[in-house]
Each structure stands twice: as structure tokens, then as C-alpha cells.
Amino acid sequence: MKYLRTFIIILIFGLLYSSCVKKANYPDVPAITYNSFTPFCSGSTTDSAYLRVNFTDGNGDIGYPAGQEGVPNNFFVEPLIYNVTTHTYDTVSLLGSDSALKLPYSVPYITPTGNDKELNGIIQINLEGLISEITSGFSSISILQYYNLEFKVWMYDRSGNKSNVLITPPVQICH
């Protein structure tokens, strides 16, 4: 009897607590925020890095199933390099082109099952071997060799909703 009474009290408190916890109610348009940037050093140079971004999505339509053909990339990273002349962060253009370097990625299918489709989590991008030809006349150089970098980041869900455009704070590079 003593155990039954204790179990019932715990059950009642559990039900009261669960009824008080509010659902997040994220909007259906994905939203992203900066989480972290982790460079990996080889001597005095950065040879790769992880960029982590927090995301939320109210209807959980993020990513595409593996093996599905013809799906668009849905996550984009645009490196920005500090210009010492103008004291601004500028886009990187490919040599002989006016278009900015955009790194496309595909987020895997992560839509939950059940009635509550709301998602939140962290997307981690591996920036290994980030190489580009820069319009200032240099041959191929590593973007990750620059001391002052920012990244412009955005994503799309399967409905075509574009998230906010995030610009990371200046990141620390190994030197």
C-alpha cells in the first residue's frame, strides 16, 4: 500500500509537470543561429574547420531522403574575407567571374514521425579543403589561411522556405 501511494503521488506530479510544459511552437520557416566555429590546425595553418549552426523548423520539413535524385542543395555557406583597405568583409569571387563563391551542402532527411513535427538541432558543416581562386590575381589558395573570416549562411526547407541569412561573428583561425 505504501508503494502504491508513493507511485500515485509521483504519477500525479508527473502529469501536472507534463501539462505545464509548453510546446516550442516554432514557425514553419526555418530559423538559424550561430553556434560555433572550430578550426583544426596543422602547424601554423588551418587545414579544416567545423562550422556549427543551430536550427529550428515548425513543420519539420528539413532535408531530403538519401538516394533521392534531382533534389536541390538546401544549405549554403558563403565565406567573407576581411578587406584591410575598406575595413569590411567582402565576398570571395572565383577568378574570372563576378559571382560570389557559395558552398552548397545537402542536409539529410530528418523529419520526425508522429504528429509533432517541430525540429531543433545543430547542423555541422565540415569546411575541409576550402579552396578557391580569388579575383585579386592569386592562384588557388586556401580561404582558411586568412586571419579574419566571417561566413554568410542560409538554408531552405523542402517547401522552399528560406531561413534568415546568418552572418557569423569573425572567426579565429590558427596562426
C-alpha atoms as a PDB file:
ATOM      1  CA  MET A   1       0.000   0.000   0.000  1.00  0.00           C
ATOM      2  CA  LYS A   2       2.848   2.346   0.871  1.00  0.00           C
ATOM      3  CA  TYR A   3       4.449   1.812  -2.533  1.00  0.00           C
ATOM      4  CA  LEU A   4       1.147   2.275  -4.354  1.00  0.00           C
ATOM      5  CA  ARG A   5       0.549   5.616  -2.620  1.00  0.00           C
ATOM      6  CA  THR A   6       4.102   6.784  -3.484  1.00  0.00           C
ATOM      7  CA  PHE A   7       3.617   5.673  -7.090  1.00  0.00           C
ATOM      8  CA  ILE A   8       0.294   7.550  -7.371  1.00  0.00           C
ATOM      9  CA  ILE A   9       1.839  10.740  -5.920  1.00  0.00           C
ATOM     10  CA  ILE A  10       4.751  10.544  -8.381  1.00  0.00           C
ATOM     11  CA  LEU A  11       2.311   9.877 -11.228  1.00  0.00           C
ATOM     12  CA  ILE A  12       0.185  12.910 -10.293  1.00  0.00           C
ATOM     13  CA  PHE A  13       3.234  15.199 -10.084  1.00  0.00           C
ATOM     14  CA  GLY A  14       4.460  13.831 -13.426  1.00  0.00           C
ATOM     15  CA  LEU A  15       1.114  14.555 -15.084  1.00  0.00           C
ATOM     16  CA  LEU A  16       0.984  18.045 -13.577  1.00  0.00           C
ATOM     17  CA  TYR A  17       4.505  18.798 -14.776  1.00  0.00           C
ATOM     18  CA  SER A  18       3.878  17.497 -18.289  1.00  0.00           C
ATOM     19  CA  SER A  19       0.696  19.559 -18.596  1.00  0.00           C
ATOM     20  CA  CYS A  20       2.613  22.709 -17.603  1.00  0.00           C
ATOM     21  CA  VAL A  21       5.468  22.240 -20.075  1.00  0.00           C
ATOM     22  CA  LYS A  22       4.734  24.326 -23.151  1.00  0.00           C
ATOM     23  CA  LYS A  23       5.391  23.231 -26.693  1.00  0.00           C
ATOM     24  CA  ALA A  24       8.000  25.350 -28.522  1.00  0.00           C
ATOM     25  CA  ASN A  25       5.716  26.399 -31.433  1.00  0.00           C
ATOM     26  CA  TYR A  26       8.444  27.204 -33.937  1.00  0.00           C
ATOM     27  CA  PRO A  27       7.418  28.933 -37.182  1.00  0.00           C
ATOM     28  CA  ASP A  28       7.223  26.799 -40.346  1.00  0.00           C
ATOM     29  CA  VAL A  29      10.030  28.832 -41.933  1.00  0.00           C
ATOM     30  CA  PRO A  30      13.410  27.517 -40.760  1.00  0.00           C
ATOM     31  CA  ALA A  31      15.452  29.797 -38.485  1.00  0.00           C
ATOM     32  CA  ILE A  32      19.197  29.557 -37.871  1.00  0.00           C
ATOM     33  CA  THR A  33      21.606  30.987 -35.310  1.00  0.00           C
ATOM     34  CA  TYR A  34      25.364  30.752 -34.911  1.00  0.00           C
ATOM     35  CA  ASN A  35      26.670  28.007 -32.642  1.00  0.00           C
ATOM     36  CA  SER A  36      30.444  27.703 -33.072  1.00  0.00           C
ATOM     37  CA  PHE A  37      33.456  27.544 -35.358  1.00  0.00           C
ATOM     38  CA  THR A  38      36.232  25.044 -34.614  1.00  0.00           C
ATOM     39  CA  PRO A  39      39.418  25.234 -36.712  1.00  0.00           C
ATOM     40  CA  PHE A  40      41.830  22.307 -36.940  1.00  0.00           C
ATOM     41  CA  CYS A  41      45.461  23.331 -37.158  1.00  0.00           C
ATOM     42  CA  SER A  42      48.379  21.681 -38.866  1.00  0.00           C
ATOM     43  CA  GLY A  43      51.367  23.652 -37.644  1.00  0.00           C
ATOM     44  CA  SER A  44      50.545  27.306 -38.188  1.00  0.00           C
ATOM     45  CA  THR A  45      47.876  26.771 -40.861  1.00  0.00           C
ATOM     46  CA  THR A  46      44.235  25.786 -40.687  1.00  0.00           C
ATOM     47  CA  ASP A  47      43.560  22.773 -42.878  1.00  0.00           C
ATOM     48  CA  SER A  48      39.902  22.259 -41.990  1.00  0.00           C
ATOM     49  CA  ALA A  49      37.203  23.509 -39.663  1.00  0.00           C
ATOM     50  CA  TYR A  50      33.717  22.731 -38.383  1.00  0.00           C
ATOM     51  CA  LEU A  51      31.015  25.366 -38.642  1.00  0.00           C
ATOM     52  CA  ARG A  52      28.025  24.619 -36.392  1.00  0.00           C
ATOM     53  CA  VAL A  53      24.647  26.302 -36.809  1.00  0.00           C
ATOM     54  CA  ASN A  54      21.553  25.890 -34.607  1.00  0.00           C
ATOM     55  CA  PHE A  55      18.258  25.480 -36.458  1.00  0.00           C
ATOM     56  CA  THR A  56      14.532  25.320 -35.750  1.00  0.00           C
ATOM     57  CA  ASP A  57      11.638  24.419 -38.063  1.00  0.00           C
ATOM     58  CA  GLY A  58       7.990  24.237 -37.079  1.00  0.00           C
ATOM     59  CA  ASN A  59       6.777  21.696 -39.616  1.00  0.00           C
ATOM     60  CA  GLY A  60       9.977  19.631 -39.736  1.00  0.00           C
ATOM     61  CA  ASP A  61      10.429  19.523 -43.498  1.00  0.00           C
ATOM     62  CA  ILE A  62      14.223  19.685 -43.449  1.00  0.00           C
ATOM     63  CA  GLY A  63      16.407  17.669 -45.824  1.00  0.00           C
ATOM     64  CA  TYR A  64      15.776  15.053 -48.464  1.00  0.00           C
ATOM     65  CA  PRO A  65      15.835  11.249 -48.196  1.00  0.00           C
ATOM     66  CA  ALA A  66      19.145   9.600 -49.137  1.00  0.00           C
ATOM     67  CA  GLY A  67      19.346   8.405 -52.712  1.00  0.00           C
ATOM     68  CA  GLN A  68      16.610  10.721 -53.998  1.00  0.00           C
ATOM     69  CA  GLU A  69      17.717  12.119 -57.364  1.00  0.00           C
ATOM     70  CA  GLY A  70      17.318  15.680 -58.627  1.00  0.00           C
ATOM     71  CA  VAL A  71      16.974  17.309 -55.227  1.00  0.00           C
ATOM     72  CA  PRO A  72      18.429  20.787 -54.780  1.00  0.00           C
ATOM     73  CA  ASN A  73      21.099  21.664 -52.256  1.00  0.00           C
ATOM     74  CA  ASN A  74      19.444  23.157 -49.203  1.00  0.00           C
ATOM     75  CA  PHE A  75      22.238  24.639 -47.068  1.00  0.00           C
ATOM     76  CA  PHE A  76      24.665  27.323 -48.247  1.00  0.00           C
ATOM     77  CA  VAL A  77      27.859  28.802 -46.799  1.00  0.00           C
ATOM     78  CA  GLU A  78      29.472  31.894 -48.327  1.00  0.00           C
ATOM     79  CA  PRO A  79      32.935  32.826 -46.989  1.00  0.00           C
ATOM     80  CA  LEU A  80      33.626  36.519 -46.381  1.00  0.00           C
ATOM     81  CA  ILE A  81      37.219  37.797 -46.182  1.00  0.00           C
ATOM     82  CA  TYR A  82      38.250  40.918 -44.291  1.00  0.00           C
ATOM     83  CA  ASN A  83      39.362  43.728 -46.625  1.00  0.00           C
ATOM     84  CA  VAL A  84      42.057  45.775 -44.862  1.00  0.00           C
ATOM     85  CA  THR A  85      41.546  48.708 -47.270  1.00  0.00           C
ATOM     86  CA  THR A  86      37.805  49.172 -46.740  1.00  0.00           C
ATOM     87  CA  HIS A  87      37.603  47.548 -43.271  1.00  0.00           C
ATOM     88  CA  THR A  88      34.660  45.444 -44.409  1.00  0.00           C
ATOM     89  CA  TYR A  89      34.085  41.755 -45.059  1.00  0.00           C
ATOM     90  CA  ASP A  90      33.848  41.041 -48.787  1.00  0.00           C
ATOM     91  CA  THR A  91      32.613  38.044 -50.713  1.00  0.00           C
ATOM     92  CA  VAL A  92      35.107  35.782 -52.441  1.00  0.00           C
ATOM     93  CA  SER A  93      34.769  35.663 -56.217  1.00  0.00           C
ATOM     94  CA  LEU A  94      36.100  32.949 -58.454  1.00  0.00           C
ATOM     95  CA  LEU A  95      38.911  34.052 -60.763  1.00  0.00           C
ATOM     96  CA  GLY A  96      37.411  35.456 -63.952  1.00  0.00           C
ATOM     97  CA  SER A  97      33.905  35.617 -62.515  1.00  0.00           C
ATOM     98  CA  ASP A  98      31.757  38.212 -60.770  1.00  0.00           C
ATOM     99  CA  SER A  99      29.746  35.609 -58.888  1.00  0.00           C
ATOM    100  CA  ALA A 100      30.411  35.027 -55.212  1.00  0.00           C
ATOM    101  CA  LEU A 101      31.738  31.711 -54.009  1.00  0.00           C
ATOM    102  CA  LYS A 102      28.855  29.784 -52.405  1.00  0.00           C
ATOM    103  CA  LEU A 103      29.428  26.368 -50.913  1.00  0.00           C
ATOM    104  CA  PRO A 104      26.301  24.204 -51.305  1.00  0.00           C
ATOM    105  CA  TYR A 105      25.523  21.345 -48.931  1.00  0.00           C
ATOM    106  CA  SER A 106      22.689  18.852 -48.610  1.00  0.00           C
ATOM    107  CA  VAL A 107      21.137  18.377 -45.211  1.00  0.00           C
ATOM    108  CA  PRO A 108      19.921  14.783 -44.760  1.00  0.00           C
ATOM    109  CA  TYR A 109      16.275  13.917 -44.225  1.00  0.00           C
ATOM    110  CA  ILE A 110      15.484  14.497 -40.564  1.00  0.00           C
ATOM    111  CA  THR A 111      11.696  14.913 -40.487  1.00  0.00           C
ATOM    112  CA  PRO A 112      10.344  13.244 -37.330  1.00  0.00           C
ATOM    113  CA  THR A 113       7.476  10.782 -37.321  1.00  0.00           C
ATOM    114  CA  GLY A 114       4.298  11.383 -35.358  1.00  0.00           C
ATOM    115  CA  ASN A 115       2.049  14.410 -35.013  1.00  0.00           C
ATOM    116  CA  ASP A 116       4.577  16.851 -33.566  1.00  0.00           C
ATOM    117  CA  LYS A 117       6.952  17.661 -36.438  1.00  0.00           C
ATOM    118  CA  GLU A 118       8.788  20.563 -34.781  1.00  0.00           C
ATOM    119  CA  LEU A 119      12.543  20.303 -35.060  1.00  0.00           C
ATOM    120  CA  ASN A 120      15.508  21.932 -33.425  1.00  0.00           C
ATOM    121  CA  GLY A 121      19.112  20.894 -33.544  1.00  0.00           C
ATOM    122  CA  ILE A 122      22.606  21.614 -34.796  1.00  0.00           C
ATOM    123  CA  ILE A 123      23.884  21.318 -38.345  1.00  0.00           C
ATOM    124  CA  GLN A 124      27.637  20.778 -38.544  1.00  0.00           C
ATOM    125  CA  ILE A 125      29.471  21.569 -41.783  1.00  0.00           C
ATOM    126  CA  ASN A 126      32.996  20.286 -42.388  1.00  0.00           C
ATOM    127  CA  LEU A 127      34.969  23.013 -44.198  1.00  0.00           C
ATOM    128  CA  GLU A 128      37.781  20.656 -45.141  1.00  0.00           C
ATOM    129  CA  GLY A 129      39.923  21.809 -48.051  1.00  0.00           C
ATOM    130  CA  LEU A 130      38.078  25.088 -48.587  1.00  0.00           C
ATOM    131  CA  ILE A 131      39.983  26.184 -51.705  1.00  0.00           C
ATOM    132  CA  SER A 132      39.154  28.954 -54.140  1.00  0.00           C
ATOM    133  CA  GLU A 133      40.740  31.106 -56.785  1.00  0.00           C
ATOM    134  CA  ILE A 134      40.435  34.719 -55.679  1.00  0.00           C
ATOM    135  CA  THR A 135      39.932  37.567 -58.147  1.00  0.00           C
ATOM    136  CA  SER A 136      42.894  39.537 -56.840  1.00  0.00           C
ATOM    137  CA  GLY A 137      45.112  37.559 -59.210  1.00  0.00           C
ATOM    138  CA  PHE A 138      46.356  34.826 -56.892  1.00  0.00           C
ATOM    139  CA  SER A 139      46.335  31.222 -57.986  1.00  0.00           C
ATOM    140  CA  SER A 140      44.468  28.695 -55.848  1.00  0.00           C
ATOM    141  CA  ILE A 141      44.852  29.493 -52.155  1.00  0.00           C
ATOM    142  CA  SER A 142      43.115  28.260 -49.068  1.00  0.00           C
ATOM    143  CA  ILE A 143      40.354  30.528 -47.780  1.00  0.00           C
ATOM    144  CA  LEU A 144      41.130  29.118 -44.335  1.00  0.00           C
ATOM    145  CA  GLN A 145      44.580  30.764 -44.328  1.00  0.00           C
ATOM    146  CA  TYR A 146      43.062  34.202 -43.673  1.00  0.00           C
ATOM    147  CA  TYR A 147      43.106  35.537 -40.122  1.00  0.00           C
ATOM    148  CA  ASN A 148      39.773  37.337 -40.369  1.00  0.00           C
ATOM    149  CA  LEU A 149      36.830  35.415 -41.776  1.00  0.00           C
ATOM    150  CA  GLU A 150      33.092  35.562 -41.451  1.00  0.00           C
ATOM    151  CA  PHE A 151      30.575  33.248 -43.082  1.00  0.00           C
ATOM    152  CA  LYS A 152      27.169  34.057 -44.539  1.00  0.00           C
ATOM    153  CA  VAL A 153      24.847  31.066 -44.021  1.00  0.00           C
ATOM    154  CA  TRP A 154      21.262  30.230 -45.014  1.00  0.00           C
ATOM    155  CA  MET A 155      19.119  27.181 -45.691  1.00  0.00           C
ATOM    156  CA  TYR A 156      15.877  26.091 -47.357  1.00  0.00           C
ATOM    157  CA  ASP A 157      13.282  23.563 -46.273  1.00  0.00           C
ATOM    158  CA  ARG A 158      11.501  21.187 -48.684  1.00  0.00           C
ATOM    159  CA  SER A 159       8.672  23.700 -49.109  1.00  0.00           C
ATOM    160  CA  GLY A 160      11.161  26.241 -50.475  1.00  0.00           C
ATOM    161  CA  ASN A 161      11.041  28.473 -47.394  1.00  0.00           C
ATOM    162  CA  LYS A 162      14.340  30.318 -46.982  1.00  0.00           C
ATOM    163  CA  SER A 163      15.673  30.791 -43.467  1.00  0.00           C
ATOM    164  CA  ASN A 164      17.096  34.026 -42.189  1.00  0.00           C
ATOM    165  CA  VAL A 165      20.570  34.868 -43.534  1.00  0.00           C
ATOM    166  CA  LEU A 166      23.094  34.498 -40.742  1.00  0.00           C
ATOM    167  CA  ILE A 167      26.459  36.244 -40.732  1.00  0.00           C
ATOM    168  CA  THR A 168      28.779  34.648 -38.193  1.00  0.00           C
ATOM    169  CA  PRO A 169      30.952  36.715 -35.922  1.00  0.00           C
ATOM    170  CA  PRO A 170      34.599  36.934 -37.027  1.00  0.00           C
ATOM    171  CA  VAL A 171      36.151  33.500 -36.531  1.00  0.00           C
ATOM    172  CA  GLN A 172      39.557  32.680 -35.085  1.00  0.00           C
ATOM    173  CA  ILE A 173      41.984  30.946 -37.400  1.00  0.00           C
ATOM    174  CA  CYS A 174      45.157  29.098 -36.342  1.00  0.00           C
ATOM    175  CA  HIS A 175      48.279  31.196 -36.928  1.00  0.00           C
END
